[in-house]
């Protein structure tokens, strides 16, 4: 049975938060880290999860849990071009 989109979304959100919890407060992760952590194959199939991982990050931004950054500074979704990093929100 195929995983529902909502289940995948939740797994990616949990993966992002779990990966960040295991790192220093100032550390960041790449969306690919979350994609790789939920992908269950041993090939490059995790790449298909990159956009869902980015969307999960933006949902967590909206919830105030994380920041998406480029060149070390927080960016809005509409500003992003190219690679991004995810870090815990500074509260």
N, C-alpha and C. Protein backbone atom coordinates (compact mmCIF):
# COMPACT_ATOMS: atom_id res chain seq x y z
N UNK A 1 0.84 -1.19 0.00
CA UNK A 1 0.00 0.00 0.00
C UNK A 1 0.89 1.25 0.00
N UNK A 2 0.61 2.18 -0.87
CA UNK A 2 1.42 3.39 -0.99
C UNK A 2 1.18 4.32 0.19
N UNK A 3 2.24 4.98 0.56
CA UNK A 3 2.15 5.93 1.66
C UNK A 3 1.36 7.16 1.20
N UNK A 4 0.45 7.63 2.05
CA UNK A 4 -0.31 8.82 1.69
C UNK A 4 0.60 10.04 1.74
N UNK A 5 0.20 11.06 1.00
CA UNK A 5 0.98 12.29 1.00
C UNK A 5 1.08 12.87 2.41
N UNK A 6 -0.02 12.80 3.17
CA UNK A 6 -0.01 13.36 4.53
C UNK A 6 0.96 12.60 5.42
N UNK A 7 0.99 11.27 5.29
CA UNK A 7 1.93 10.47 6.08
C UNK A 7 3.37 10.85 5.74
N UNK A 8 3.65 11.01 4.46
CA UNK A 8 4.99 11.40 4.03
C UNK A 8 5.34 12.78 4.57
N UNK A 9 4.40 13.71 4.48
CA UNK A 9 4.62 15.07 5.01
C UNK A 9 4.99 15.02 6.49
N UNK A 10 4.25 14.25 7.26
CA UNK A 10 4.51 14.15 8.70
C UNK A 10 5.86 13.50 8.97
N UNK A 11 6.20 12.46 8.22
CA UNK A 11 7.50 11.81 8.40
C UNK A 11 8.64 12.78 8.10
N UNK A 12 8.50 13.57 7.05
CA UNK A 12 9.55 14.53 6.71
C UNK A 12 9.66 15.62 7.77
N UNK A 13 8.55 16.11 8.28
CA UNK A 13 8.59 17.12 9.34
C UNK A 13 9.27 16.55 10.58
N UNK A 14 8.91 15.34 10.96
CA UNK A 14 9.53 14.70 12.13
C UNK A 14 11.02 14.48 11.89
N UNK A 15 11.38 14.10 10.67
CA UNK A 15 12.80 13.87 10.35
C UNK A 15 13.59 15.17 10.48
N UNK A 16 13.06 16.26 9.99
CA UNK A 16 13.74 17.55 10.09
C UNK A 16 13.97 17.90 11.56
N UNK A 17 12.93 17.80 12.37
CA UNK A 17 13.05 18.16 13.77
C UNK A 17 14.00 17.21 14.50
N UNK A 18 13.94 15.94 14.20
CA UNK A 18 14.81 14.96 14.84
C UNK A 18 16.28 15.20 14.48
N UNK A 19 16.54 15.45 13.22
CA UNK A 19 17.92 15.73 12.79
C UNK A 19 18.46 16.98 13.47
N UNK A 20 17.64 18.01 13.59
CA UNK A 20 18.09 19.24 14.24
C UNK A 20 18.30 19.04 15.74
N UNK A 21 17.46 18.23 16.36
CA UNK A 21 17.60 17.98 17.80
C UNK A 21 18.91 17.28 18.12
N UNK A 22 19.45 16.54 17.17
CA UNK A 22 20.69 15.80 17.40
C UNK A 22 21.93 16.62 17.07
N UNK A 23 21.74 17.87 16.71
CA UNK A 23 22.86 18.74 16.37
C UNK A 23 22.92 19.93 17.32
N UNK A 24 24.01 20.65 17.26
CA UNK A 24 24.16 21.85 18.08
C UNK A 24 23.05 22.85 17.76
N UNK A 25 22.73 23.70 18.72
CA UNK A 25 21.65 24.68 18.54
C UNK A 25 21.83 25.55 17.31
N UNK A 26 23.07 25.82 16.95
CA UNK A 26 23.35 26.72 15.82
C UNK A 26 23.53 25.97 14.50
N UNK A 27 23.49 24.63 14.54
CA UNK A 27 23.74 23.83 13.33
C UNK A 27 22.52 23.85 12.41
N UNK A 28 22.78 23.54 11.14
CA UNK A 28 21.71 23.47 10.15
C UNK A 28 21.83 22.16 9.39
N UNK A 29 20.76 21.83 8.70
CA UNK A 29 20.74 20.64 7.86
C UNK A 29 20.30 21.03 6.45
N UNK A 30 20.54 20.15 5.53
CA UNK A 30 20.06 20.31 4.16
C UNK A 30 18.75 19.54 4.03
N UNK A 31 17.82 20.00 3.21
CA UNK A 31 16.60 19.22 3.00
C UNK A 31 16.91 17.78 2.55
N UNK A 32 18.03 17.58 1.87
CA UNK A 32 18.39 16.23 1.43
C UNK A 32 18.64 15.30 2.61
N UNK A 33 19.09 15.85 3.74
CA UNK A 33 19.28 15.03 4.93
C UNK A 33 17.96 14.41 5.37
N UNK A 34 16.90 15.20 5.36
CA UNK A 34 15.58 14.69 5.73
C UNK A 34 15.08 13.71 4.68
N UNK A 35 15.26 14.03 3.41
CA UNK A 35 14.81 13.13 2.34
C UNK A 35 15.50 11.78 2.45
N UNK A 36 16.79 11.80 2.68
CA UNK A 36 17.55 10.54 2.82
C UNK A 36 17.11 9.74 4.03
N UNK A 37 16.78 10.44 5.11
CA UNK A 37 16.44 9.73 6.34
C UNK A 37 15.08 9.02 6.26
N UNK A 38 14.18 9.50 5.42
CA UNK A 38 12.88 8.82 5.31
C UNK A 38 12.81 7.86 4.13
N UNK A 39 13.73 7.98 3.18
CA UNK A 39 13.73 7.10 2.02
C UNK A 39 14.20 5.71 2.44
N UNK A 40 13.50 4.70 1.99
CA UNK A 40 13.79 3.34 2.45
C UNK A 40 14.51 2.48 1.42
N UNK A 41 15.04 3.09 0.39
CA UNK A 41 15.78 2.33 -0.61
C UNK A 41 17.27 2.56 -0.48
N UNK A 42 18.03 1.88 -1.33
CA UNK A 42 19.48 2.06 -1.30
C UNK A 42 20.00 2.66 -2.60
N UNK A 43 19.12 3.33 -3.31
CA UNK A 43 19.52 3.99 -4.56
C UNK A 43 19.31 5.50 -4.40
N UNK A 44 19.24 6.22 -5.50
CA UNK A 44 19.05 7.67 -5.46
C UNK A 44 17.59 8.08 -5.43
N UNK A 45 16.69 7.19 -5.06
CA UNK A 45 15.27 7.50 -5.02
C UNK A 45 14.91 8.60 -4.05
N UNK A 46 15.79 8.88 -3.08
CA UNK A 46 15.53 9.95 -2.13
C UNK A 46 15.41 11.30 -2.83
N UNK A 47 15.99 11.41 -4.00
CA UNK A 47 15.94 12.69 -4.73
C UNK A 47 14.50 13.11 -5.05
N UNK A 48 13.62 12.14 -5.23
CA UNK A 48 12.20 12.44 -5.49
C UNK A 48 11.53 13.06 -4.27
N UNK A 49 12.17 12.98 -3.12
CA UNK A 49 11.61 13.54 -1.90
C UNK A 49 12.14 14.94 -1.59
N UNK A 50 12.97 15.49 -2.46
CA UNK A 50 13.54 16.81 -2.19
C UNK A 50 12.48 17.91 -2.11
N UNK A 51 11.59 17.96 -3.07
CA UNK A 51 10.55 19.00 -3.02
C UNK A 51 9.62 18.79 -1.84
N UNK A 52 9.16 17.54 -1.58
CA UNK A 52 8.36 17.35 -0.36
C UNK A 52 9.12 17.75 0.91
N UNK A 53 10.43 17.53 0.96
CA UNK A 53 11.23 17.92 2.13
C UNK A 53 11.28 19.44 2.25
N UNK A 54 11.44 20.12 1.14
CA UNK A 54 11.44 21.59 1.18
C UNK A 54 10.07 22.12 1.64
N UNK A 55 9.00 21.51 1.13
CA UNK A 55 7.66 21.94 1.56
C UNK A 55 7.47 21.69 3.06
N UNK A 56 7.99 20.57 3.56
CA UNK A 56 7.90 20.28 4.99
C UNK A 56 8.63 21.37 5.79
N UNK A 57 9.78 21.79 5.29
CA UNK A 57 10.54 22.85 5.97
C UNK A 57 9.72 24.14 6.02
N UNK A 58 9.06 24.48 4.93
CA UNK A 58 8.28 25.72 4.92
C UNK A 58 7.08 25.64 5.85
N UNK A 59 6.49 24.44 6.00
CA UNK A 59 5.40 24.30 6.98
C UNK A 59 5.93 24.51 8.39
N UNK A 60 7.13 24.00 8.66
CA UNK A 60 7.74 24.19 9.97
C UNK A 60 8.14 25.64 10.20
N UNK A 61 8.50 26.35 9.14
CA UNK A 61 8.75 27.80 9.25
C UNK A 61 7.46 28.49 9.69
N UNK A 62 6.36 28.15 9.02
CA UNK A 62 5.06 28.77 9.35
C UNK A 62 4.65 28.48 10.79
N UNK A 63 5.06 27.33 11.31
CA UNK A 63 4.74 26.95 12.70
C UNK A 63 5.71 27.56 13.70
N UNK A 64 6.74 28.27 13.20
CA UNK A 64 7.71 28.90 14.08
C UNK A 64 8.78 27.97 14.63
N UNK A 65 8.89 26.78 14.06
CA UNK A 65 9.84 25.78 14.56
C UNK A 65 11.25 25.92 13.96
N UNK A 66 11.34 26.30 12.70
CA UNK A 66 12.63 26.36 12.01
C UNK A 66 12.73 27.64 11.18
N UNK A 67 13.94 27.89 10.70
CA UNK A 67 14.21 28.94 9.72
C UNK A 67 14.85 28.28 8.51
N UNK A 68 14.51 28.77 7.34
CA UNK A 68 15.19 28.35 6.13
C UNK A 68 16.17 29.46 5.79
N UNK A 69 17.41 29.07 5.51
CA UNK A 69 18.45 30.08 5.29
C UNK A 69 19.18 29.87 3.96
N UNK A 70 19.75 30.95 3.50
CA UNK A 70 20.70 30.94 2.39
C UNK A 70 21.81 31.89 2.78
N UNK A 71 23.03 31.47 2.59
CA UNK A 71 24.21 32.26 2.99
C UNK A 71 24.11 32.68 4.46
N UNK A 72 23.54 31.80 5.29
CA UNK A 72 23.47 32.04 6.72
C UNK A 72 22.39 32.98 7.20
N UNK A 73 21.56 33.50 6.30
CA UNK A 73 20.50 34.40 6.76
C UNK A 73 19.13 33.84 6.41
N UNK A 74 18.15 34.06 7.30
CA UNK A 74 16.80 33.57 7.03
C UNK A 74 16.23 34.21 5.76
N UNK A 75 15.52 33.42 4.99
CA UNK A 75 14.90 33.90 3.76
C UNK A 75 13.43 33.50 3.73
N UNK A 76 12.66 34.26 2.98
CA UNK A 76 11.26 33.92 2.73
C UNK A 76 11.21 32.95 1.55
N UNK A 77 10.16 32.16 1.52
CA UNK A 77 10.04 31.17 0.45
C UNK A 77 10.13 31.81 -0.93
N UNK A 78 9.53 32.98 -1.08
CA UNK A 78 9.53 33.66 -2.38
C UNK A 78 10.92 34.17 -2.78
N UNK A 79 11.85 34.26 -1.82
CA UNK A 79 13.20 34.76 -2.09
C UNK A 79 14.19 33.68 -2.48
N UNK A 80 13.84 32.43 -2.26
CA UNK A 80 14.84 31.37 -2.42
C UNK A 80 15.13 31.06 -3.88
N UNK A 81 16.41 30.93 -4.13
CA UNK A 81 16.92 30.49 -5.43
C UNK A 81 18.09 29.57 -5.13
N UNK A 82 17.99 28.33 -5.49
CA UNK A 82 19.09 27.41 -5.25
C UNK A 82 19.03 26.73 -3.90
N UNK A 83 20.18 26.22 -3.46
CA UNK A 83 20.25 25.43 -2.23
C UNK A 83 19.87 26.23 -0.99
N UNK A 84 19.22 25.55 -0.06
CA UNK A 84 18.85 26.16 1.22
C UNK A 84 19.32 25.25 2.35
N UNK A 85 19.35 25.82 3.54
CA UNK A 85 19.64 25.08 4.77
C UNK A 85 18.47 25.31 5.72
N UNK A 86 18.34 24.42 6.69
CA UNK A 86 17.28 24.50 7.68
C UNK A 86 17.93 24.50 9.06
N UNK A 87 17.51 25.42 9.92
CA UNK A 87 18.01 25.45 11.29
C UNK A 87 16.85 25.74 12.23
N UNK A 88 17.10 25.49 13.51
CA UNK A 88 16.08 25.79 14.51
C UNK A 88 15.79 27.28 14.52
N UNK A 89 14.54 27.61 14.76
CA UNK A 89 14.16 29.03 14.86
C UNK A 89 14.78 29.62 16.13
N UNK A 90 15.24 30.82 16.04
CA UNK A 90 15.77 31.53 17.20
C UNK A 90 14.60 32.18 17.90
N UNK A 91 14.39 31.79 19.13
CA UNK A 91 13.21 32.29 19.85
C UNK A 91 13.61 33.28 20.90
